C-alpha atoms as a PDB file:
ATOM      1  CA  MET A   1     -14.563 -23.594 -10.430  1.00  0.00           C
ATOM      2  CA  PRO A   2     -11.456 -22.404 -12.322  1.00  0.00           C
ATOM      3  CA  THR A   3      -9.797 -24.784 -14.584  1.00  0.00           C
ATOM      4  CA  LEU A   4      -6.121 -24.082 -14.579  1.00  0.00           C
ATOM      5  CA  MET A   5      -3.906 -25.859 -17.226  1.00  0.00           C
ATOM      6  CA  ALA A   6      -0.912 -23.280 -17.314  1.00  0.00           C
ATOM      7  CA  LEU A   7       2.382 -24.509 -18.448  1.00  0.00           C
ATOM      8  CA  THR A   8       5.416 -23.264 -16.108  1.00  0.00           C
ATOM      9  CA  ASP A   9       7.994 -24.825 -18.070  1.00  0.00           C
ATOM     10  CA  THR A  10       8.191 -27.552 -21.003  1.00  0.00           C
ATOM     11  CA  ASP A  11       7.607 -30.362 -18.444  1.00  0.00           C
ATOM     12  CA  ILE A  12       5.542 -29.164 -15.620  1.00  0.00           C
ATOM     13  CA  HIS A  13       2.222 -28.024 -15.638  1.00  0.00           C
ATOM     14  CA  ILE A  14      -0.498 -26.881 -12.863  1.00  0.00           C
ATOM     15  CA  ARG A  15      -4.155 -27.814 -12.560  1.00  0.00           C
ATOM     16  CA  THR A  16      -6.734 -27.556  -9.596  1.00  0.00           C
ATOM     17  CA  ALA A  17      -7.120 -30.332  -7.622  1.00  0.00           C
ATOM     18  CA  THR A  18     -10.475 -32.441  -7.505  1.00  0.00           C
ATOM     19  CA  GLN A  19     -12.301 -34.769  -5.120  1.00  0.00           C
ATOM     20  CA  GLU A  20     -10.364 -37.461  -6.257  1.00  0.00           C
ATOM     21  CA  ASP A  21      -7.267 -35.894  -5.546  1.00  0.00           C
ATOM     22  CA  GLY A  22      -7.795 -36.304  -1.920  1.00  0.00           C
ATOM     23  CA  ASP A  23      -4.958 -39.005  -1.042  1.00  0.00           C
ATOM     24  CA  THR A  24      -2.650 -37.447  -3.413  1.00  0.00           C
ATOM     25  CA  LEU A  25      -2.827 -33.845  -1.817  1.00  0.00           C
ATOM     26  CA  VAL A  26      -2.782 -35.377   1.514  1.00  0.00           C
ATOM     27  CA  GLU A  27       0.808 -37.233   0.682  1.00  0.00           C
ATOM     28  CA  LEU A  28       2.178 -34.222  -0.920  1.00  0.00           C
ATOM     29  CA  ILE A  29       1.373 -31.921   1.937  1.00  0.00           C
ATOM     30  CA  ALA A  30       2.574 -34.465   4.598  1.00  0.00           C
ATOM     31  CA  LEU A  31       5.983 -33.621   2.676  1.00  0.00           C
ATOM     32  CA  VAL A  32       5.701 -30.283   4.711  1.00  0.00           C
ATOM     33  CA  ASN A  33       7.330 -30.168   8.209  1.00  0.00           C
ATOM     34  CA  LEU A  34       4.177 -29.037   9.875  1.00  0.00           C
ATOM     35  CA  GLN A  35       5.936 -29.409  13.384  1.00  0.00           C
ATOM     36  CA  LEU A  36       3.263 -32.297  14.285  1.00  0.00           C
ATOM     37  CA  ARG A  37       3.614 -35.589  16.079  1.00  0.00           C
ATOM     38  CA  THR A  38       3.239 -38.401  13.260  1.00  0.00           C
ATOM     39  CA  GLU A  39      -0.111 -39.576  14.898  1.00  0.00           C
ATOM     40  CA  ASP A  40      -1.343 -36.114  14.689  1.00  0.00           C
ATOM     41  CA  LEU A  41      -0.591 -35.569  11.092  1.00  0.00           C
ATOM     42  CA  PRO A  42      -3.615 -37.421   9.673  1.00  0.00           C
ATOM     43  CA  GLY A  43      -6.147 -35.566  11.765  1.00  0.00           C
ATOM     44  CA  ALA A  44      -4.541 -32.367  10.884  1.00  0.00           C
ATOM     45  CA  LEU A  45      -5.047 -32.868   7.324  1.00  0.00           C
ATOM     46  CA  ASP A  46      -8.543 -34.300   7.359  1.00  0.00           C
ATOM     47  CA  PRO A  47     -10.172 -30.861   6.795  1.00  0.00           C
ATOM     48  CA  MET A  48      -8.230 -30.511   3.621  1.00  0.00           C
ATOM     49  CA  ARG A  49      -9.587 -33.546   2.275  1.00  0.00           C
ATOM     50  CA  HIS A  50     -13.033 -32.673   3.435  1.00  0.00           C
ATOM     51  CA  ALA A  51     -12.684 -29.313   1.791  1.00  0.00           C
ATOM     52  CA  LEU A  52     -12.252 -31.135  -1.612  1.00  0.00           C
ATOM     53  CA  THR A  53     -15.582 -32.191  -1.555  1.00  0.00           C
ATOM     54  CA  ASP A  54     -17.152 -28.461  -1.151  1.00  0.00           C
ATOM     55  CA  SER A  55     -16.773 -26.677  -4.666  1.00  0.00           C
ATOM     56  CA  ASP A  56     -19.050 -24.151  -6.403  1.00  0.00           C
ATOM     57  CA  ASP A  57     -18.333 -21.915  -9.627  1.00  0.00           C
ATOM     58  CA  GLY A  58     -16.569 -19.174  -7.575  1.00  0.00           C
ATOM     59  CA  PRO A  59     -13.044 -17.858  -8.399  1.00  0.00           C
ATOM     60  CA  LEU A  60     -11.538 -20.305  -6.054  1.00  0.00           C
ATOM     61  CA  SER A  61     -11.227 -24.101  -6.333  1.00  0.00           C
ATOM     62  CA  HIS A  62     -13.149 -24.947  -3.642  1.00  0.00           C
ATOM     63  CA  ARG A  63     -15.229 -22.147  -2.187  1.00  0.00           C
ATOM     64  CA  ARG A  64     -12.927 -20.030   0.361  1.00  0.00           C
ATOM     65  CA  ASN A  65     -10.087 -22.896  -0.203  1.00  0.00           C
ATOM     66  CA  HIS A  66      -7.828 -23.164  -3.163  1.00  0.00           C
ATOM     67  CA  PHE A  67      -5.799 -26.349  -4.058  1.00  0.00           C
ATOM     68  CA  LEU A  68      -3.562 -26.732  -6.960  1.00  0.00           C
ATOM     69  CA  ILE A  69      -1.196 -29.755  -8.097  1.00  0.00           C
ATOM     70  CA  ALA A  70       1.842 -29.799 -10.121  1.00  0.00           C
ATOM     71  CA  GLU A  71       2.198 -32.582 -12.533  1.00  0.00           C
ATOM     72  CA  ASN A  72       5.259 -33.652 -14.683  1.00  0.00           C
ATOM     73  CA  SER A  73       5.238 -34.561 -18.404  1.00  0.00           C
ATOM     74  CA  GLU A  74       3.685 -37.954 -17.677  1.00  0.00           C
ATOM     75  CA  GLY A  75       0.797 -36.685 -15.412  1.00  0.00           C
ATOM     76  CA  VAL A  76       2.533 -37.503 -12.066  1.00  0.00           C
ATOM     77  CA  PRO A  77       1.892 -35.304  -9.254  1.00  0.00           C
ATOM     78  CA  VAL A  78       5.177 -33.536  -8.096  1.00  0.00           C
ATOM     79  CA  GLY A  79       4.000 -30.560  -6.114  1.00  0.00           C
ATOM     80  CA  ALA A  80       0.878 -28.856  -4.482  1.00  0.00           C
ATOM     81  CA  ILE A  81      -0.130 -25.830  -2.891  1.00  0.00           C
ATOM     82  CA  THR A  82      -3.096 -25.481  -0.232  1.00  0.00           C
ATOM     83  CA  CYS A  83      -4.758 -22.486   0.500  1.00  0.00           C
ATOM     84  CA  GLY A  84      -7.652 -21.059   2.764  1.00  0.00           C
ATOM     85  CA  PRO A  85      -8.781 -19.366   5.787  1.00  0.00           C
ATOM     86  CA  ALA A  86      -6.423 -19.699   8.581  1.00  0.00           C
ATOM     87  CA  LYS A  87      -7.642 -20.896  12.105  1.00  0.00           C
ATOM     88  CA  TRP A  88      -7.041 -17.847  13.951  1.00  0.00           C
ATOM     89  CA  MET A  89      -9.787 -15.961  11.641  1.00  0.00           C
ATOM     90  CA  SER A  90     -12.505 -17.739  13.178  1.00  0.00           C
ATOM     91  CA  ASP A  91     -11.111 -17.969  16.878  1.00  0.00           C
ATOM     92  CA  PRO A  92     -13.116 -15.517  19.208  1.00  0.00           C
ATOM     93  CA  ASN A  93     -10.047 -14.797  21.087  1.00  0.00           C
ATOM     94  CA  ARG A  94      -8.152 -13.294  18.170  1.00  0.00           C
ATOM     95  CA  SER A  95     -10.474 -12.277  15.358  1.00  0.00           C
ATOM     96  CA  PRO A  96     -13.248  -9.785  16.436  1.00  0.00           C
ATOM     97  CA  LYS A  97     -16.478 -11.327  15.518  1.00  0.00           C
ATOM     98  CA  ILE A  98     -17.846  -8.160  13.606  1.00  0.00           C
ATOM     99  CA  MET A  99     -14.752  -8.266  11.466  1.00  0.00           C
ATOM    100  CA  ARG A 100     -14.443 -12.037  11.123  1.00  0.00           C
ATOM    101  CA  ARG A 101     -16.239 -12.431   7.554  1.00  0.00           C
ATOM    102  CA  ARG A 102     -14.385  -9.202   5.984  1.00  0.00           C
ATOM    103  CA  ILE A 103     -11.162 -10.726   7.052  1.00  0.00           C
ATOM    104  CA  ILE A 104     -11.996 -14.181   5.547  1.00  0.00           C
ATOM    105  CA  GLU A 105     -12.891 -12.362   2.323  1.00  0.00           C
ATOM    106  CA  ARG A 106      -9.835 -10.420   2.142  1.00  0.00           C
ATOM    107  CA  ILE A 107      -6.957 -12.472   3.593  1.00  0.00           C
ATOM    108  CA  SER A 108      -6.083 -16.043   2.965  1.00  0.00           C
ATOM    109  CA  THR A 109      -3.327 -18.475   4.194  1.00  0.00           C
ATOM    110  CA  VAL A 110      -1.012 -20.786   2.413  1.00  0.00           C
ATOM    111  CA  HIS A 111      -1.439 -23.860   4.732  1.00  0.00           C
ATOM    112  CA  GLY A 112       1.056 -25.959   2.608  1.00  0.00           C
ATOM    113  CA  LEU A 113       3.574 -25.720  -0.321  1.00  0.00           C
ATOM    114  CA  ALA A 114       5.229 -28.953  -0.997  1.00  0.00           C
ATOM    115  CA  VAL A 115       7.407 -30.341  -3.687  1.00  0.00           C
ATOM    116  CA  VAL A 116       8.526 -34.029  -4.082  1.00  0.00           C
ATOM    117  CA  PRO A 117      12.247 -34.391  -2.930  1.00  0.00           C
ATOM    118  CA  ALA A 118      13.414 -35.505  -6.595  1.00  0.00           C
ATOM    119  CA  TYR A 119      11.973 -32.390  -8.113  1.00  0.00           C
ATOM    120  CA  ARG A 120      13.106 -29.603  -5.649  1.00  0.00           C
ATOM    121  CA  ASN A 121      15.187 -26.903  -6.736  1.00  0.00           C
ATOM    122  CA  GLN A 122      13.800 -26.953 -10.324  1.00  0.00           C
ATOM    123  CA  GLY A 123      11.537 -24.051 -10.218  1.00  0.00           C
ATOM    124  CA  ILE A 124       8.425 -25.764  -9.182  1.00  0.00           C
ATOM    125  CA  ALA A 125       7.261 -24.140  -5.949  1.00  0.00           C
ATOM    126  CA  ARG A 126       7.445 -20.555  -7.379  1.00  0.00           C
ATOM    127  CA  PRO A 127       4.982 -21.203 -10.062  1.00  0.00           C
ATOM    128  CA  LEU A 128       2.499 -22.988  -7.713  1.00  0.00           C
ATOM    129  CA  LEU A 129       2.900 -19.914  -5.359  1.00  0.00           C
ATOM    130  CA  TYR A 130       2.608 -17.302  -8.173  1.00  0.00           C
ATOM    131  CA  HIS A 131      -0.547 -19.055  -9.491  1.00  0.00           C
ATOM    132  CA  ALA A 132      -1.948 -19.110  -6.177  1.00  0.00           C
ATOM    133  CA  GLU A 133      -1.327 -15.346  -5.844  1.00  0.00           C
ATOM    134  CA  GLN A 134      -2.968 -14.490  -9.101  1.00  0.00           C
ATOM    135  CA  THR A 135      -6.102 -16.396  -8.417  1.00  0.00           C
ATOM    136  CA  PHE A 136      -6.560 -14.509  -5.021  1.00  0.00           C
ATOM    137  CA  ARG A 137      -5.702 -11.207  -6.555  1.00  0.00           C
ATOM    138  CA  ASN A 138      -8.160 -11.765  -9.378  1.00  0.00           C
ATOM    139  CA  ALA A 139     -10.899 -12.857  -6.623  1.00  0.00           C
ATOM    140  CA  GLY A 140     -10.522  -9.475  -4.773  1.00  0.00           C
ATOM    141  CA  TYR A 141      -8.389 -10.700  -1.790  1.00  0.00           C
ATOM    142  CA  THR A 142      -5.869  -8.071  -0.427  1.00  0.00           C
ATOM    143  CA  ALA A 143      -3.084 -10.105   1.246  1.00  0.00           C
ATOM    144  CA  LEU A 144      -1.649 -13.726   1.222  1.00  0.00           C
ATOM    145  CA  THR A 145      -0.099 -14.966   4.545  1.00  0.00           C
ATOM    146  CA  LEU A 146       1.935 -18.152   5.399  1.00  0.00           C
ATOM    147  CA  ARG A 147       3.951 -19.654   8.321  1.00  0.00           C
ATOM    148  CA  HIS A 148       7.227 -21.054   7.328  1.00  0.00           C
ATOM    149  CA  ASP A 149      10.392 -22.660   8.912  1.00  0.00           C
ATOM    150  CA  ARG A 150      13.301 -20.083   9.577  1.00  0.00           C
ATOM    151  CA  SER A 151      15.466 -21.771   7.198  1.00  0.00           C
ATOM    152  CA  LEU A 152      12.920 -20.414   4.241  1.00  0.00           C
ATOM    153  CA  THR A 153      13.285 -16.908   5.113  1.00  0.00           C
ATOM    154  CA  THR A 154      15.456 -15.975   1.984  1.00  0.00           C
ATOM    155  CA  PHE A 155      13.349 -18.112  -0.308  1.00  0.00           C
ATOM    156  CA  TYR A 156      10.060 -16.074   0.640  1.00  0.00           C
ATOM    157  CA  GLY A 157      11.929 -12.889   0.783  1.00  0.00           C
ATOM    158  CA  ARG A 158      12.884 -13.351  -2.944  1.00  0.00           C
ATOM    159  CA  LEU A 159       9.298 -14.051  -3.830  1.00  0.00           C
ATOM    160  CA  GLY A 160       8.186 -10.566  -2.213  1.00  0.00           C
ATOM    161  CA  TYR A 161       7.197 -11.587   1.171  1.00  0.00           C
ATOM    162  CA  THR A 162       7.871  -9.796   4.128  1.00  0.00           C
ATOM    163  CA  THR A 163       8.785 -11.987   7.087  1.00  0.00           C
ATOM    164  CA  HIS A 164       8.498 -11.491  10.708  1.00  0.00           C
ATOM    165  CA  ASN A 165       8.252 -13.486  13.859  1.00  0.00           C
ATOM    166  CA  ARG A 166       4.666 -12.037  14.242  1.00  0.00           C
ATOM    167  CA  LEU A 167       1.820 -11.580  11.703  1.00  0.00           C
ATOM    168  CA  SER A 168       0.526  -8.198  12.253  1.00  0.00           C
ATOM    169  CA  LEU A 169      -2.833  -6.735  10.787  1.00  0.00           C
ATOM    170  CA  LYS A 170      -4.144  -3.337  11.140  1.00  0.00           C
ATOM    171  CA  LEU A 171      -8.002  -3.594  11.161  1.00  0.00           C
ATOM    172  CA  PRO A 172     -10.455  -1.308   9.583  1.00  0.00           C
ATOM    173  CA  THR A 173     -11.658  -0.711  13.125  1.00  0.00           C
ATOM    174  CA  GLY A 174      -8.427   0.728  14.017  1.00  0.00           C
ATOM    175  CA  GLU A 175      -7.268  -2.137  16.205  1.00  0.00           C
ATOM    176  CA  LEU A 176      -4.019  -3.797  15.705  1.00  0.00           C
ATOM    177  CA  LEU A 177      -4.163  -7.645  15.590  1.00  0.00           C
ATOM    178  CA  SER A 178      -0.602  -9.453  16.203  1.00  0.00           C
ATOM    179  CA  LEU A 179      -0.240 -13.254  16.286  1.00  0.00           C
ATOM    180  CA  VAL A 180       2.857 -15.152  17.161  1.00  0.00           C
ATOM    181  CA  GLU A 181       3.411 -19.084  17.115  1.00  0.00           C
ATOM    182  CA  ARG A 182       6.335 -20.604  18.610  1.00  0.00           C
ATOM    183  CA  GLY A 183       8.808 -22.297  16.111  1.00  0.00           C
ATOM    184  CA  TRP A 184       7.213 -20.246  13.127  1.00  0.00           C
ATOM    185  CA  LYS A 185       8.080 -17.323  11.327  1.00  0.00           C
ATOM    186  CA  HIS A 186       5.252 -15.445   9.524  1.00  0.00           C
ATOM    187  CA  ALA A 187       5.476 -14.242   5.942  1.00  0.00           C
ATOM    188  CA  PHE A 188       2.872 -12.026   3.980  1.00  0.00           C
ATOM    189  CA  LYS A 189       2.464 -10.225   0.752  1.00  0.00           C
ATOM    190  CA  VAL A 190       0.143  -7.432  -0.371  1.00  0.00           C
ATOM    191  CA  LEU A 191      -1.582  -8.329  -3.394  1.00  0.00           C
ATOM    192  CA  THR A 192      -3.569  -5.216  -4.304  1.00  0.00           C
ATOM    193  CA  PRO A 193      -2.931  -1.557  -3.906  1.00  0.00           C
ATOM    194  CA  THR A 194      -5.552  -1.236  -1.440  1.00  0.00           C
ATOM    195  CA  ALA A 195      -3.120  -2.096   1.243  1.00  0.00           C
ATOM    196  CA  SER A 196       0.365  -1.748   1.963  1.00  0.00           C
ATOM    197  CA  ILE A 197       2.972  -2.987   4.507  1.00  0.00           C
ATOM    198  CA  THR A 198       3.570  -0.071   7.043  1.00  0.00           C
ATOM    199  CA  THR A 199       5.414  -0.207  10.421  1.00  0.00           C
ATOM    200  CA  VAL A 200       3.314  -0.333  13.302  1.00  0.00           C
ATOM    201  CA  GLN A 201       4.517  -0.488  16.886  1.00  0.00           C
ATOM    202  CA  GLY A 202       7.965  -1.560  15.240  1.00  0.00           C
ATOM    203  CA  MET A 203       6.524  -4.472  13.485  1.00  0.00           C
ATOM    204  CA  PRO A 204       5.752  -4.675   9.582  1.00  0.00           C
ATOM    205  CA  THR A 205       1.849  -4.669   9.422  1.00  0.00           C
ATOM    206  CA  ILE A 206      -0.599  -5.358   6.808  1.00  0.00           C
ATOM    207  CA  THR A 207      -2.345  -1.916   6.561  1.00  0.00           C
ATOM    208  CA  PRO A 208      -5.322  -0.813   4.421  1.00  0.00           C
ATOM    209  CA  ALA A 209      -4.108   2.063   1.962  1.00  0.00           C
ATOM    210  CA  HIS A 210      -7.244   4.115   3.071  1.00  0.00           C
ATOM    211  CA  CYS A 211     -10.268   3.710   5.222  1.00  0.00           C
ATOM    212  CA  PRO A 212     -13.104   1.731   3.583  1.00  0.00           C
ATOM    213  CA  THR A 213     -15.636   3.608   1.770  1.00  0.00           C
ATOM    214  CA  ASP A 214     -18.671   2.026   3.171  1.00  0.00           C
ATOM    215  CA  VAL A 215     -20.863   4.994   4.502  1.00  0.00           C
ATOM    216  CA  PRO A 216     -24.386   5.225   5.624  1.00  0.00           C
ATOM    217  CA  PRO A 217     -26.815   6.092   2.531  1.00  0.00           C
ATOM    218  CA  ALA A 218     -27.337   9.988   1.888  1.00  0.00           C
ATOM    219  CA  SER A 219     -31.019   9.392   2.912  1.00  0.00           C
ATOM    220  CA  ALA A 220     -29.863   8.360   6.427  1.00  0.00           C
ATOM    221  CA  GLN A 221     -31.469  10.500   9.362  1.00  0.00           C
ATOM    222  CA  TYR A 222     -28.837  12.258  11.404  1.00  0.00           C
ATOM    223  CA  THR A 223     -29.518  13.604  14.949  1.00  0.00           C
ATOM    224  CA  CYS A 224     -27.000  16.248  14.365  1.00  0.00           C
ATOM    225  CA  GLY A 225     -25.057  17.684  11.138  1.00  0.00           C
ATOM    226  CA  PRO A 226     -25.804  17.235   7.358  1.00  0.00           C
ATOM    227  CA  ALA A 227     -27.090  13.895   5.848  1.00  0.00           C
ATOM    228  CA  ARG A 228     -23.946  13.737   3.853  1.00  0.00           C
ATOM    229  CA  LEU A 229     -21.553  13.128   6.595  1.00  0.00           C
ATOM    230  CA  VAL A 230     -19.347  10.181   5.737  1.00  0.00           C
ATOM    231  CA  LEU A 231     -18.360   7.756   8.531  1.00  0.00           C
ATOM    232  CA  SER A 232     -15.569   5.089   8.128  1.00  0.00           C
ATOM    233  CA  PRO A 233     -14.747   2.317  10.504  1.00  0.00           C
ATOM    234  CA  CYS A 234     -11.542   3.976  11.040  1.00  0.00           C
ATOM    235  CA  PRO A 235     -12.161   5.592  14.361  1.00  0.00           C
ATOM    236  CA  THR A 236      -9.969   8.701  14.052  1.00  0.00           C
ATOM    237  CA  GLN A 237     -10.809   9.310  10.387  1.00  0.00           C
ATOM    238  CA  PHE A 238     -13.985  10.786   9.268  1.00  0.00           C
ATOM    239  CA  GLY A 239     -14.829  12.901   6.012  1.00  0.00           C
ATOM    240  CA  TYR A 240     -17.369  14.735   4.004  1.00  0.00           C
ATOM    241  CA  CYS A 241     -18.752  14.150   0.527  1.00  0.00           C
ATOM    242  CA  GLY A 242     -20.150  16.685  -1.761  1.00  0.00           C
ATOM    243  CA  SER A 243     -20.438  20.349  -0.634  1.00  0.00           C
ATOM    244  CA  SER A 244     -21.914  19.776   2.587  1.00  0.00           C
ATOM    245  CA  SER A 245     -20.657  21.520   5.817  1.00  0.00           C
ATOM    246  CA  PRO A 246     -19.209  19.666   8.692  1.00  0.00           C
ATOM    247  CA  PRO A 247     -21.585  18.955  11.553  1.00  0.00           C
ATOM    248  CA  SER A 248     -21.341  20.963  14.757  1.00  0.00           C
ATOM    249  CA  ARG A 249     -17.954  20.619  16.556  1.00  0.00           C
ATOM    250  CA  THR A 250     -19.211  21.362  19.898  1.00  0.00           C
ATOM    251  CA  GLY A 251     -18.902  17.789  21.314  1.00  0.00           C
ATOM    252  CA  GLY A 252     -21.440  15.044  21.922  1.00  0.00           C
ATOM    253  CA  SER A 253     -22.398  12.350  19.468  1.00  0.00           C
ATOM    254  CA  CYS A 254     -23.905  12.219  15.888  1.00  0.00           C
ATOM    255  CA  GLN A 255     -26.192   9.423  15.795  1.00  0.00           C
ATOM    256  CA  VAL A 256     -27.195   7.888  12.246  1.00  0.00           C
ATOM    257  CA  ARG A 257     -30.104   5.598  11.822  1.00  0.00           C
ATOM    258  CA  VAL A 258     -29.821   3.437   8.710  1.00  0.00           C
ATOM    259  CA  SER A 259     -32.078   0.739   7.276  1.00  0.00           C
ATOM    260  CA  LYS A 260     -31.858  -3.125   8.516  1.00  0.00           C
ATOM    261  CA  GLY A 261     -30.251  -4.122   5.347  1.00  0.00           C
ATOM    262  CA  ASP A 262     -27.646  -1.413   5.280  1.00  0.00           C
ATOM    263  CA  CYS A 263     -27.076  -1.772   8.858  1.00  0.00           C
ATOM    264  CA  ARG A 264     -26.280  -5.548   8.087  1.00  0.00           C
ATOM    265  CA  ARG A 265     -23.761  -4.673   5.571  1.00  0.00           C
ATOM    266  CA  ARG A 266     -22.201  -1.591   7.037  1.00  0.00           C
ATOM    267  CA  ALA A 267     -22.496  -1.888  10.756  1.00  0.00           C
ATOM    268  CA  GLY A 268     -22.787  -5.552  11.470  1.00  0.00           C
ATOM    269  CA  PRO A 269     -25.884  -7.939  12.508  1.00  0.00           C
ATOM    270  CA  GLY A 270     -28.312  -6.322  14.782  1.00  0.00           C
ATOM    271  CA  ARG A 271     -26.989  -2.908  14.997  1.00  0.00           C
ATOM    272  CA  GLY A 272     -29.474  -0.124  13.684  1.00  0.00           C
ATOM    273  CA  LEU A 273     -27.339   2.904  15.110  1.00  0.00           C
ATOM    274  CA  ILE A 274     -24.052   4.065  14.042  1.00  0.00           C
ATOM    275  CA  THR A 275     -22.497   6.858  16.385  1.00  0.00           C
ATOM    276  CA  ALA A 276     -19.477   8.951  15.702  1.00  0.00           C
ATOM    277  CA  GLU A 277     -18.278  11.359  18.194  1.00  0.00           C
ATOM    278  CA  ALA A 278     -18.404  14.858  16.649  1.00  0.00           C
ATOM    279  CA  SER A 279     -15.687  15.976  19.004  1.00  0.00           C
ATOM    280  CA  SER A 280     -13.254  13.778  17.197  1.00  0.00           C
ATOM    281  CA  LEU A 281     -13.770  15.714  13.675  1.00  0.00           C
ATOM    282  CA  LYS A 282     -10.921  17.633  12.778  1.00  0.00           C
END
């Protein structure tokens, strides 16, 4: 677990939340307008309280979640940020099962960014968000996303976030995942050069800068073509490594057999065969 004690100015410092901060964190995040009925608010925040008990020695404070608290010079909590996987990432109707783990390991969401009213407009929210971004960047995450009220569009825009009515993501499979939630705007920011914001179907979209480099091992057995054909999850982008010549372009499919371990890592559980249409090779 990271131990963050970075000063943001002479009066405020930021630290990671602990299990003992459950009530404090809930009270702070409850300041955010979550567009929920009052009676539904405690149940919505319970998962956050539970996540505080789940910690390890990883780069984030609580496994896949990251919780920070800002305190004034007297140690009184005046702000907080909570981040973690979004619900849609585990929704079978929104997130393809084969991509679910990769998405959770590369993209996170700000669930709440709150500052006590008396301390607002004093530069506390920005460093909270900045520290979260730095932590996720160092942990290898590609992007950070969030939902926000329309009145905060300018605020997040100044912090480098792209805002839109939809959250749009180009998956390594080539599919376009697009989410819209009534009453909210989505904001997202790329954290590493491995991705960028491009326009896809008229929408700003988180897009990988290049196809993933995960490929079958050189020892893989092919039913056609050389053993150094490089397959990527991008459906229309195939390439070659070394000086091997391309496989036959007469059409049909090129079947690649890999070991069980490689299959699990590269092609998803239960798959022992990767197929690439040779006719699609340019």
